[in-house]
Amino acid sequence: MDIMSFITEKALIVIPVLYIIGMMLKNTSKIQDWSIPWILLIVGIGSSIGLLGFNMEAIIQGVLVTGTTVYTNQLFKQSTIKKKEQDEKS
């Protein structure tokens, strides 16, 4: 599956921006972990609307870039951090 067939080139810049915002939110003690994806979704949709204009495609692109960001973060965490924890238990 080619990610470029779903996410427009203009919206790709939002993915690393959301990732950085997510890391900053994670290090903030006042924000609970469960709310971070919701905050990123709002920022992702807002950013996509800013880039593409207010239309349905921009909203869909915001959801897609947010999903890609959260999924990438989870892949990274599961592949590195959780693996280290399992190795320490063994």
N, C-alpha and C. Protein backbone atom coordinates (compact mmCIF):
# COMPACT_ATOMS: atom_id res chain seq x y z
N MET A 1 0.84 -1.17 0.00
CA MET A 1 0.00 0.00 0.00
C MET A 1 0.89 1.24 0.00
N ASP A 2 0.59 2.16 -0.87
CA ASP A 2 1.37 3.38 -1.00
C ASP A 2 0.66 4.51 -0.26
N ILE A 3 1.33 5.04 0.76
CA ILE A 3 0.73 6.10 1.57
C ILE A 3 0.43 7.34 0.72
N MET A 4 1.20 7.54 -0.33
CA MET A 4 0.99 8.72 -1.18
C MET A 4 -0.33 8.66 -1.94
N SER A 5 -0.92 7.47 -2.06
CA SER A 5 -2.21 7.39 -2.74
C SER A 5 -3.35 7.85 -1.83
N PHE A 6 -3.09 7.98 -0.55
CA PHE A 6 -4.13 8.40 0.39
C PHE A 6 -3.90 9.81 0.93
N ILE A 7 -2.67 10.13 1.26
CA ILE A 7 -2.35 11.44 1.85
C ILE A 7 -1.70 12.31 0.79
N THR A 8 -2.23 13.52 0.63
CA THR A 8 -1.67 14.43 -0.37
C THR A 8 -0.30 14.94 0.07
N GLU A 9 0.50 15.33 -0.89
CA GLU A 9 1.86 15.81 -0.59
C GLU A 9 1.85 17.02 0.33
N LYS A 10 0.89 17.90 0.15
CA LYS A 10 0.81 19.09 1.00
C LYS A 10 0.61 18.73 2.47
N ALA A 11 -0.12 17.65 2.72
CA ALA A 11 -0.45 17.28 4.10
C ALA A 11 0.65 16.46 4.77
N LEU A 12 1.62 15.97 4.02
CA LEU A 12 2.68 15.14 4.60
C LEU A 12 3.50 15.89 5.64
N ILE A 13 3.66 17.18 5.48
CA ILE A 13 4.45 17.97 6.43
C ILE A 13 3.81 17.97 7.82
N VAL A 14 2.53 17.71 7.89
CA VAL A 14 1.82 17.73 9.17
C VAL A 14 2.23 16.53 10.04
N ILE A 15 2.63 15.42 9.44
CA ILE A 15 2.96 14.21 10.20
C ILE A 15 4.11 14.46 11.19
N PRO A 16 5.28 14.95 10.75
CA PRO A 16 6.34 15.19 11.75
C PRO A 16 5.98 16.29 12.75
N VAL A 17 5.20 17.26 12.30
CA VAL A 17 4.77 18.32 13.22
C VAL A 17 3.91 17.73 14.33
N LEU A 18 2.97 16.87 13.96
CA LEU A 18 2.12 16.22 14.96
C LEU A 18 2.93 15.31 15.88
N TYR A 19 3.92 14.65 15.33
CA TYR A 19 4.76 13.76 16.14
C TYR A 19 5.50 14.57 17.21
N ILE A 20 6.05 15.70 16.82
CA ILE A 20 6.78 16.55 17.77
C ILE A 20 5.82 17.10 18.82
N ILE A 21 4.65 17.55 18.40
CA ILE A 21 3.66 18.04 19.36
C ILE A 21 3.26 16.93 20.32
N GLY A 22 3.08 15.73 19.80
CA GLY A 22 2.74 14.59 20.65
C GLY A 22 3.81 14.29 21.68
N MET A 23 5.07 14.38 21.29
CA MET A 23 6.16 14.14 22.23
C MET A 23 6.19 15.23 23.31
N MET A 24 5.93 16.46 22.91
CA MET A 24 5.88 17.55 23.88
C MET A 24 4.72 17.36 24.86
N LEU A 25 3.57 16.96 24.34
CA LEU A 25 2.41 16.72 25.21
C LEU A 25 2.66 15.55 26.16
N LYS A 26 3.35 14.54 25.68
CA LYS A 26 3.66 13.37 26.52
C LYS A 26 4.52 13.77 27.71
N ASN A 27 5.40 14.74 27.53
CA ASN A 27 6.29 15.19 28.60
C ASN A 27 5.64 16.23 29.51
N THR A 28 4.40 16.60 29.21
CA THR A 28 3.67 17.54 30.05
C THR A 28 2.86 16.75 31.07
N SER A 29 3.11 17.01 32.34
CA SER A 29 2.45 16.21 33.39
C SER A 29 0.96 16.50 33.54
N LYS A 30 0.50 17.66 33.10
CA LYS A 30 -0.90 18.03 33.28
C LYS A 30 -1.82 17.42 32.23
N ILE A 31 -1.27 16.87 31.17
CA ILE A 31 -2.08 16.29 30.10
C ILE A 31 -2.03 14.77 30.21
N GLN A 32 -3.21 14.17 30.31
CA GLN A 32 -3.28 12.72 30.44
C GLN A 32 -3.03 12.05 29.09
N ASP A 33 -2.45 10.85 29.13
CA ASP A 33 -2.07 10.14 27.91
C ASP A 33 -3.26 9.88 26.98
N TRP A 34 -4.42 9.57 27.55
CA TRP A 34 -5.57 9.24 26.71
C TRP A 34 -6.05 10.44 25.88
N SER A 35 -5.73 11.65 26.33
CA SER A 35 -6.20 12.83 25.61
C SER A 35 -5.26 13.27 24.48
N ILE A 36 -4.05 12.75 24.47
CA ILE A 36 -3.08 13.17 23.45
C ILE A 36 -3.56 12.88 22.03
N PRO A 37 -4.05 11.67 21.70
CA PRO A 37 -4.53 11.45 20.33
C PRO A 37 -5.68 12.38 19.94
N TRP A 38 -6.54 12.73 20.90
CA TRP A 38 -7.64 13.65 20.60
C TRP A 38 -7.13 15.05 20.31
N ILE A 39 -6.15 15.49 21.08
CA ILE A 39 -5.55 16.81 20.83
C ILE A 39 -4.87 16.82 19.47
N LEU A 40 -4.14 15.74 19.17
CA LEU A 40 -3.46 15.64 17.87
C LEU A 40 -4.46 15.62 16.73
N LEU A 41 -5.61 14.99 16.93
CA LEU A 41 -6.64 14.96 15.89
C LEU A 41 -7.15 16.37 15.60
N ILE A 42 -7.40 17.14 16.64
CA ILE A 42 -7.87 18.52 16.45
C ILE A 42 -6.81 19.35 15.74
N VAL A 43 -5.55 19.21 16.17
CA VAL A 43 -4.46 19.96 15.54
C VAL A 43 -4.26 19.50 14.10
N GLY A 44 -4.35 18.19 13.86
CA GLY A 44 -4.18 17.64 12.52
C GLY A 44 -5.25 18.14 11.56
N ILE A 45 -6.49 18.12 12.00
CA ILE A 45 -7.57 18.61 11.14
C ILE A 45 -7.42 20.12 10.92
N GLY A 46 -7.10 20.85 11.98
CA GLY A 46 -6.90 22.30 11.83
C GLY A 46 -5.75 22.63 10.89
N SER A 47 -4.67 21.89 10.99
CA SER A 47 -3.52 22.12 10.11
C SER A 47 -3.86 21.80 8.66
N SER A 48 -4.58 20.71 8.46
CA SER A 48 -4.97 20.34 7.10
C SER A 48 -5.93 21.36 6.50
N ILE A 49 -6.83 21.87 7.31
CA ILE A 49 -7.72 22.92 6.82
C ILE A 49 -6.91 24.17 6.46
N GLY A 50 -5.90 24.48 7.27
CA GLY A 50 -5.04 25.62 6.97
C GLY A 50 -4.27 25.45 5.67
N LEU A 51 -3.87 24.22 5.38
CA LEU A 51 -3.11 23.95 4.15
C LEU A 51 -3.98 23.80 2.92
N LEU A 52 -5.13 23.14 3.08
CA LEU A 52 -5.93 22.75 1.92
C LEU A 52 -7.23 23.54 1.77
N GLY A 53 -7.55 24.36 2.76
CA GLY A 53 -8.82 25.08 2.73
C GLY A 53 -9.90 24.30 3.46
N PHE A 54 -10.99 24.96 3.74
CA PHE A 54 -12.07 24.33 4.50
C PHE A 54 -12.96 23.52 3.56
N ASN A 55 -12.69 22.22 3.49
CA ASN A 55 -13.51 21.31 2.70
C ASN A 55 -13.40 19.91 3.30
N MET A 56 -14.18 19.00 2.78
CA MET A 56 -14.22 17.64 3.32
C MET A 56 -12.88 16.93 3.14
N GLU A 57 -12.20 17.18 2.03
CA GLU A 57 -10.91 16.54 1.80
C GLU A 57 -9.90 16.93 2.88
N ALA A 58 -9.92 18.17 3.30
CA ALA A 58 -8.99 18.63 4.33
C ALA A 58 -9.27 17.93 5.66
N ILE A 59 -10.52 17.73 5.98
CA ILE A 59 -10.87 17.03 7.22
C ILE A 59 -10.41 15.58 7.16
N ILE A 60 -10.64 14.94 6.02
CA ILE A 60 -10.18 13.55 5.85
C ILE A 60 -8.67 13.47 5.92
N GLN A 61 -7.98 14.42 5.29
CA GLN A 61 -6.52 14.44 5.34
C GLN A 61 -6.03 14.63 6.77
N GLY A 62 -6.72 15.45 7.54
CA GLY A 62 -6.35 15.65 8.95
C GLY A 62 -6.47 14.37 9.75
N VAL A 63 -7.53 13.62 9.51
CA VAL A 63 -7.71 12.34 10.19
C VAL A 63 -6.62 11.36 9.76
N LEU A 64 -6.31 11.33 8.47
CA LEU A 64 -5.29 10.40 7.96
C LEU A 64 -3.90 10.71 8.50
N VAL A 65 -3.52 11.98 8.52
CA VAL A 65 -2.18 12.30 9.02
C VAL A 65 -2.08 12.07 10.52
N THR A 66 -3.17 12.31 11.24
CA THR A 66 -3.16 12.03 12.68
C THR A 66 -3.06 10.53 12.92
N GLY A 67 -3.81 9.75 12.18
CA GLY A 67 -3.74 8.30 12.31
C GLY A 67 -2.36 7.77 11.98
N THR A 68 -1.75 8.31 10.95
CA THR A 68 -0.39 7.89 10.58
C THR A 68 0.60 8.24 11.68
N THR A 69 0.46 9.41 12.26
CA THR A 69 1.36 9.83 13.33
C THR A 69 1.23 8.94 14.56
N VAL A 70 0.00 8.71 15.00
CA VAL A 70 -0.22 7.89 16.20
C VAL A 70 0.22 6.45 15.95
N TYR A 71 -0.07 5.92 14.78
CA TYR A 71 0.33 4.55 14.43
C TYR A 71 1.85 4.43 14.39
N THR A 72 2.52 5.40 13.80
CA THR A 72 3.99 5.38 13.75
C THR A 72 4.57 5.44 15.15
N ASN A 73 4.01 6.26 16.00
CA ASN A 73 4.48 6.36 17.38
C ASN A 73 4.31 5.02 18.10
N GLN A 74 3.18 4.37 17.92
CA GLN A 74 2.94 3.09 18.57
C GLN A 74 3.88 2.00 18.03
N LEU A 75 4.13 2.01 16.73
CA LEU A 75 5.09 1.06 16.16
C LEU A 75 6.47 1.25 16.77
N PHE A 76 6.87 2.49 16.90
CA PHE A 76 8.18 2.80 17.49
C PHE A 76 8.23 2.33 18.93
N LYS A 77 7.21 2.66 19.71
CA LYS A 77 7.19 2.28 21.12
C LYS A 77 7.17 0.76 21.29
N GLN A 78 6.34 0.08 20.53
CA GLN A 78 6.24 -1.37 20.67
C GLN A 78 7.51 -2.07 20.20
N SER A 79 8.18 -1.50 19.22
CA SER A 79 9.38 -2.14 18.67
C SER A 79 10.62 -1.87 19.49
N THR A 80 10.66 -0.77 20.21
CA THR A 80 11.88 -0.43 20.95
C THR A 80 11.69 -0.52 22.45
N ILE A 81 10.80 0.24 22.99
CA ILE A 81 10.64 0.32 24.44
C ILE A 81 10.11 -0.99 25.01
N LYS A 82 9.05 -1.53 24.44
CA LYS A 82 8.47 -2.77 24.96
C LYS A 82 9.43 -3.93 24.77
N LYS A 83 10.19 -3.92 23.68
CA LYS A 83 11.17 -4.98 23.45
C LYS A 83 12.25 -4.95 24.52
N LYS A 84 12.70 -3.75 24.89
CA LYS A 84 13.69 -3.62 25.96
C LYS A 84 13.15 -4.16 27.27
N GLU A 85 11.88 -3.86 27.56
CA GLU A 85 11.27 -4.35 28.80
C GLU A 85 11.19 -5.87 28.80
N GLN A 86 10.85 -6.46 27.66
CA GLN A 86 10.80 -7.92 27.57
C GLN A 86 12.18 -8.53 27.73
N ASP A 87 13.18 -7.91 27.13
CA ASP A 87 14.55 -8.42 27.23
C ASP A 87 15.05 -8.36 28.67
N GLU A 88 14.65 -7.32 29.41
CA GLU A 88 15.07 -7.19 30.80
C GLU A 88 14.42 -8.25 31.68
N LYS A 89 13.19 -8.65 31.35
CA LYS A 89 12.49 -9.68 32.12
C LYS A 89 13.09 -11.07 31.88
N SER A 90 13.65 -11.26 30.70
CA SER A 90 14.20 -12.58 30.35
C SER A 90 15.52 -12.87 31.01
